[in-house]
Amino acid sequence: MGELYDDSVFKKREEAMQKQAKSQNLLFIGVIILIALVACGAFVWKMKFSPENRIININKASVEELQYLPGVGPAVAKDIVKGRPYKTPEDLKNVKGIGDKTYEKMAPRVKVD
């Protein structure tokens, strides 16, 4: 009596399922890598272009832009604008509300052109 079913059909189906599983795993890994690259890109963009990290020219910046400097609020920003032009960034120490400690925090982010 012959066999009622052919084993090769089951083997082919099993191979197809294994190939599909490999494809799904590769797709999953690819999606994870893509998400990681997008997250890294967003982080780098934020670090490079965020106003909180930008170097500010104190002779040209607006009151709003000056407030991105550490320790500078609206009143101090207005006083910075009133004291223009500045010859050096250290001249900020002459502005009311900016002492040595505040200046040290903002020094890496200010320039004068």
N, C-alpha and C. Protein backbone atom coordinates (compact mmCIF):
# COMPACT_ATOMS: atom_id res chain seq x y z
N MET A 1 0.83 -1.17 0.00
CA MET A 1 0.00 0.00 0.00
C MET A 1 0.88 1.24 0.00
N GLY A 2 0.57 2.22 -0.83
CA GLY A 2 1.35 3.44 -0.96
C GLY A 2 1.07 4.42 0.19
N GLU A 3 1.98 5.40 0.26
CA GLU A 3 1.80 6.40 1.31
C GLU A 3 0.63 7.30 0.96
N LEU A 4 -0.07 7.74 1.99
CA LEU A 4 -1.23 8.60 1.79
C LEU A 4 -0.84 10.06 1.55
N TYR A 5 0.36 10.43 1.91
CA TYR A 5 0.80 11.81 1.70
C TYR A 5 2.26 11.82 1.29
N ASP A 6 2.62 12.93 0.70
CA ASP A 6 4.00 13.08 0.20
C ASP A 6 4.79 13.96 1.18
N ASP A 7 5.88 13.46 1.73
CA ASP A 7 6.71 14.20 2.69
C ASP A 7 7.32 15.46 2.09
N SER A 8 7.56 15.46 0.82
CA SER A 8 8.22 16.62 0.20
C SER A 8 7.35 17.87 0.31
N VAL A 9 6.06 17.75 0.32
CA VAL A 9 5.17 18.91 0.46
C VAL A 9 5.38 19.55 1.82
N PHE A 10 5.49 18.73 2.85
CA PHE A 10 5.70 19.26 4.21
C PHE A 10 7.08 19.88 4.36
N LYS A 11 8.06 19.26 3.72
CA LYS A 11 9.42 19.81 3.78
C LYS A 11 9.50 21.16 3.09
N LYS A 12 8.82 21.27 1.95
CA LYS A 12 8.82 22.54 1.22
C LYS A 12 8.11 23.62 2.04
N ARG A 13 7.04 23.24 2.69
CA ARG A 13 6.30 24.20 3.51
C ARG A 13 7.15 24.64 4.69
N GLU A 14 7.84 23.73 5.32
CA GLU A 14 8.71 24.05 6.44
C GLU A 14 9.85 24.98 6.00
N GLU A 15 10.45 24.72 4.85
CA GLU A 15 11.51 25.57 4.32
C GLU A 15 10.98 26.97 4.02
N ALA A 16 9.80 27.05 3.46
CA ALA A 16 9.20 28.35 3.15
C ALA A 16 8.94 29.13 4.44
N MET A 17 8.49 28.44 5.47
CA MET A 17 8.22 29.12 6.74
C MET A 17 9.52 29.61 7.38
N GLN A 18 10.60 28.84 7.26
CA GLN A 18 11.89 29.26 7.79
C GLN A 18 12.42 30.48 7.04
N LYS A 19 12.26 30.49 5.72
CA LYS A 19 12.69 31.65 4.93
C LYS A 19 11.89 32.88 5.31
N GLN A 20 10.60 32.71 5.52
CA GLN A 20 9.74 33.83 5.90
C GLN A 20 10.16 34.36 7.27
N ALA A 21 10.47 33.47 8.20
CA ALA A 21 10.91 33.89 9.53
C ALA A 21 12.22 34.67 9.44
N LYS A 22 13.16 34.22 8.61
CA LYS A 22 14.43 34.94 8.43
C LYS A 22 14.16 36.33 7.84
N SER A 23 13.28 36.40 6.87
CA SER A 23 12.95 37.69 6.24
C SER A 23 12.34 38.63 7.26
N GLN A 24 11.45 38.11 8.09
CA GLN A 24 10.82 38.95 9.11
C GLN A 24 11.85 39.42 10.13
N ASN A 25 12.79 38.56 10.51
CA ASN A 25 13.83 38.96 11.44
C ASN A 25 14.71 40.06 10.85
N LEU A 26 15.08 39.90 9.59
CA LEU A 26 15.89 40.93 8.93
C LEU A 26 15.14 42.25 8.82
N LEU A 27 13.88 42.18 8.51
CA LEU A 27 13.06 43.39 8.43
C LEU A 27 12.99 44.08 9.79
N PHE A 28 12.78 43.31 10.84
CA PHE A 28 12.72 43.85 12.19
C PHE A 28 14.04 44.53 12.56
N ILE A 29 15.15 43.87 12.27
CA ILE A 29 16.46 44.46 12.56
C ILE A 29 16.67 45.74 11.76
N GLY A 30 16.26 45.73 10.51
CA GLY A 30 16.38 46.93 9.67
C GLY A 30 15.58 48.09 10.22
N VAL A 31 14.37 47.81 10.68
CA VAL A 31 13.52 48.87 11.25
C VAL A 31 14.16 49.42 12.52
N ILE A 32 14.70 48.55 13.36
CA ILE A 32 15.36 49.00 14.58
C ILE A 32 16.56 49.88 14.25
N ILE A 33 17.35 49.49 13.28
CA ILE A 33 18.52 50.29 12.88
C ILE A 33 18.06 51.64 12.33
N LEU A 34 17.02 51.65 11.54
CA LEU A 34 16.49 52.91 11.00
C LEU A 34 16.02 53.83 12.12
N ILE A 35 15.32 53.30 13.09
CA ILE A 35 14.85 54.11 14.22
C ILE A 35 16.04 54.67 14.99
N ALA A 36 17.06 53.86 15.20
CA ALA A 36 18.25 54.33 15.92
C ALA A 36 18.96 55.44 15.15
N LEU A 37 19.05 55.31 13.83
CA LEU A 37 19.70 56.36 13.02
C LEU A 37 18.91 57.66 13.06
N VAL A 38 17.61 57.56 12.99
CA VAL A 38 16.76 58.77 13.06
C VAL A 38 16.91 59.44 14.42
N ALA A 39 16.92 58.65 15.49
CA ALA A 39 17.08 59.21 16.83
C ALA A 39 18.44 59.90 16.98
N CYS A 40 19.49 59.27 16.48
CA CYS A 40 20.83 59.88 16.54
C CYS A 40 20.88 61.17 15.72
N GLY A 41 20.28 61.14 14.55
CA GLY A 41 20.24 62.34 13.72
C GLY A 41 19.50 63.48 14.39
N ALA A 42 18.39 63.17 15.03
CA ALA A 42 17.62 64.20 15.73
C ALA A 42 18.43 64.78 16.89
N PHE A 43 19.15 63.92 17.61
CA PHE A 43 19.97 64.38 18.72
C PHE A 43 21.09 65.30 18.23
N VAL A 44 21.76 64.89 17.17
CA VAL A 44 22.85 65.72 16.62
C VAL A 44 22.30 67.04 16.11
N TRP A 45 21.15 67.00 15.44
CA TRP A 45 20.55 68.24 14.93
C TRP A 45 20.22 69.18 16.09
N LYS A 46 19.65 68.63 17.14
CA LYS A 46 19.29 69.46 18.29
C LYS A 46 20.53 70.07 18.92
N MET A 47 21.58 69.28 19.07
CA MET A 47 22.80 69.80 19.68
C MET A 47 23.45 70.88 18.82
N LYS A 48 23.33 70.75 17.51
CA LYS A 48 24.00 71.70 16.62
C LYS A 48 23.17 72.96 16.40
N PHE A 49 21.86 72.82 16.26
CA PHE A 49 21.05 73.96 15.84
C PHE A 49 20.13 74.52 16.92
N SER A 50 20.12 73.94 18.07
CA SER A 50 19.26 74.42 19.15
C SER A 50 19.75 75.78 19.63
N PRO A 51 18.85 76.73 19.86
CA PRO A 51 19.26 78.05 20.35
C PRO A 51 19.98 77.97 21.70
N GLU A 52 19.68 76.94 22.48
CA GLU A 52 20.33 76.80 23.78
C GLU A 52 21.81 76.46 23.66
N ASN A 53 22.26 76.04 22.50
CA ASN A 53 23.65 75.64 22.30
C ASN A 53 24.41 76.55 21.34
N ARG A 54 23.76 77.53 20.80
CA ARG A 54 24.35 78.41 19.80
C ARG A 54 25.26 79.46 20.44
N ILE A 55 26.30 79.84 19.74
CA ILE A 55 27.15 80.94 20.19
C ILE A 55 26.50 82.24 19.72
N ILE A 56 26.36 83.17 20.64
CA ILE A 56 25.59 84.39 20.38
C ILE A 56 26.50 85.60 20.34
N ASN A 57 26.33 86.41 19.29
CA ASN A 57 27.05 87.67 19.16
C ASN A 57 26.29 88.70 20.00
N ILE A 58 26.90 89.14 21.08
CA ILE A 58 26.19 90.03 22.01
C ILE A 58 25.97 91.43 21.44
N ASN A 59 26.64 91.79 20.37
CA ASN A 59 26.42 93.10 19.75
C ASN A 59 25.29 93.09 18.73
N LYS A 60 24.84 91.91 18.31
CA LYS A 60 23.82 91.82 17.27
C LYS A 60 22.57 91.07 17.71
N ALA A 61 22.63 90.31 18.77
CA ALA A 61 21.51 89.46 19.18
C ALA A 61 20.34 90.30 19.71
N SER A 62 19.15 89.78 19.49
CA SER A 62 17.95 90.44 20.01
C SER A 62 17.81 90.13 21.50
N VAL A 63 16.89 90.83 22.15
CA VAL A 63 16.62 90.57 23.57
C VAL A 63 16.19 89.12 23.76
N GLU A 64 15.38 88.61 22.86
CA GLU A 64 14.91 87.22 22.96
C GLU A 64 16.07 86.23 22.82
N GLU A 65 16.96 86.49 21.87
CA GLU A 65 18.11 85.59 21.67
C GLU A 65 19.05 85.61 22.87
N LEU A 66 19.25 86.77 23.46
CA LEU A 66 20.15 86.88 24.61
C LEU A 66 19.64 86.07 25.80
N GLN A 67 18.33 85.88 25.88
CA GLN A 67 17.77 85.14 27.00
C GLN A 67 18.09 83.65 26.95
N TYR A 68 18.63 83.17 25.84
CA TYR A 68 19.08 81.78 25.77
C TYR A 68 20.40 81.57 26.51
N LEU A 69 21.08 82.65 26.85
CA LEU A 69 22.33 82.53 27.60
C LEU A 69 22.02 82.17 29.05
N PRO A 70 22.85 81.36 29.68
CA PRO A 70 22.60 80.98 31.07
C PRO A 70 22.64 82.19 32.00
N GLY A 71 21.65 82.30 32.85
CA GLY A 71 21.59 83.38 33.82
C GLY A 71 21.06 84.69 33.28
N VAL A 72 20.57 84.71 32.04
CA VAL A 72 20.07 85.94 31.44
C VAL A 72 18.56 85.86 31.29
N GLY A 73 17.87 86.77 31.97
CA GLY A 73 16.43 86.89 31.84
C GLY A 73 16.10 88.14 31.04
N PRO A 74 14.82 88.50 30.97
CA PRO A 74 14.42 89.67 30.16
C PRO A 74 15.09 90.97 30.59
N ALA A 75 15.18 91.21 31.89
CA ALA A 75 15.75 92.48 32.36
C ALA A 75 17.24 92.56 32.03
N VAL A 76 17.97 91.50 32.29
CA VAL A 76 19.42 91.50 31.99
C VAL A 76 19.65 91.59 30.49
N ALA A 77 18.82 90.91 29.70
CA ALA A 77 18.96 90.98 28.24
C ALA A 77 18.77 92.41 27.75
N LYS A 78 17.80 93.12 28.31
CA LYS A 78 17.60 94.53 27.93
C LYS A 78 18.79 95.38 28.33
N ASP A 79 19.37 95.09 29.49
CA ASP A 79 20.56 95.84 29.93
C ASP A 79 21.76 95.55 29.02
N ILE A 80 21.86 94.32 28.55
CA ILE A 80 22.95 93.98 27.62
C ILE A 80 22.80 94.80 26.34
N VAL A 81 21.58 94.89 25.83
CA VAL A 81 21.33 95.66 24.60
C VAL A 81 21.65 97.14 24.82
N LYS A 82 21.27 97.67 25.98
CA LYS A 82 21.53 99.09 26.28
C LYS A 82 23.02 99.39 26.36
N GLY A 83 23.83 98.40 26.77
CA GLY A 83 25.27 98.61 26.95
C GLY A 83 26.09 98.47 25.69
N ARG A 84 25.47 98.24 24.57
CA ARG A 84 26.20 98.05 23.31
C ARG A 84 26.87 99.33 22.86
N PRO A 85 27.92 99.23 22.11
CA PRO A 85 28.64 98.06 21.62
C PRO A 85 29.67 97.58 22.64
N TYR A 86 29.98 96.32 22.56
CA TYR A 86 30.98 95.70 23.43
C TYR A 86 32.22 95.41 22.60
N LYS A 87 33.38 95.64 23.19
CA LYS A 87 34.64 95.36 22.50
C LYS A 87 35.08 93.92 22.73
N THR A 88 34.82 93.41 23.93
CA THR A 88 35.18 92.03 24.26
C THR A 88 34.01 91.39 25.01
N PRO A 89 33.94 90.07 25.01
CA PRO A 89 32.88 89.42 25.78
C PRO A 89 32.97 89.72 27.28
N GLU A 90 34.18 89.95 27.78
CA GLU A 90 34.36 90.25 29.20
C GLU A 90 33.66 91.55 29.62
N ASP A 91 33.37 92.41 28.65
CA ASP A 91 32.67 93.66 28.96
C ASP A 91 31.28 93.40 29.54
N LEU A 92 30.77 92.19 29.37
CA LEU A 92 29.47 91.84 29.95
C LEU A 92 29.48 91.93 31.47
N LYS A 93 30.65 91.81 32.08
CA LYS A 93 30.73 91.90 33.54
C LYS A 93 30.32 93.27 34.05
N ASN A 94 30.32 94.28 33.17
CA ASN A 94 29.91 95.62 33.56
C ASN A 94 28.39 95.79 33.54
N VAL A 95 27.67 94.82 33.05
CA VAL A 95 26.21 94.89 32.99
C VAL A 95 25.66 94.49 34.35
N LYS A 96 24.70 95.25 34.83
CA LYS A 96 24.06 94.96 36.11
C LYS A 96 23.40 93.57 36.05
N GLY A 97 23.71 92.73 37.02
CA GLY A 97 23.13 91.40 37.06
C GLY A 97 24.07 90.32 36.54
N ILE A 98 25.21 90.72 35.98
CA ILE A 98 26.18 89.73 35.48
C ILE A 98 27.46 89.87 36.29
N GLY A 99 27.67 88.91 37.15
CA GLY A 99 28.90 88.87 37.94
C GLY A 99 29.86 87.85 37.35
N ASP A 100 30.90 87.58 38.10
CA ASP A 100 31.92 86.64 37.63
C ASP A 100 31.35 85.24 37.40
N LYS A 101 30.52 84.75 38.34
CA LYS A 101 29.98 83.39 38.21
C LYS A 101 29.04 83.28 37.01
N THR A 102 28.17 84.27 36.85
CA THR A 102 27.25 84.24 35.70
C THR A 102 28.03 84.34 34.40
N TYR A 103 29.03 85.21 34.38
CA TYR A 103 29.83 85.35 33.16
C TYR A 103 30.55 84.05 32.83
N GLU A 104 31.09 83.36 33.83
CA GLU A 104 31.80 82.09 33.59
C GLU A 104 30.87 81.07 32.94
N LYS A 105 29.59 81.06 33.33
CA LYS A 105 28.63 80.11 32.74
C LYS A 105 28.33 80.45 31.28
N MET A 106 28.28 81.74 30.97
CA MET A 106 27.90 82.14 29.61
C MET A 106 29.09 82.34 28.68
N ALA A 107 30.28 82.46 29.22
CA ALA A 107 31.46 82.79 28.41
C ALA A 107 31.67 81.90 27.19
N PRO A 108 31.49 80.58 27.29
CA PRO A 108 31.72 79.75 26.09
C PRO A 108 30.69 79.99 24.98
N ARG A 109 29.60 80.69 25.29
CA ARG A 109 28.54 80.86 24.31
C ARG A 109 28.38 82.27 23.80
N VAL A 110 29.33 83.17 24.14
CA VAL A 110 29.23 84.55 23.67
C VAL A 110 30.43 84.92 22.82
N LYS A 111 30.17 85.82 21.89
CA LYS A 111 31.25 86.35 21.06
C LYS A 111 30.93 87.78 20.71
N VAL A 112 31.93 88.50 20.22
CA VAL A 112 31.78 89.89 19.80
C VAL A 112 32.37 90.01 18.40
N ASP A 113 31.60 90.54 17.48
CA ASP A 113 32.08 90.80 16.11
C ASP A 113 32.09 92.28 15.85
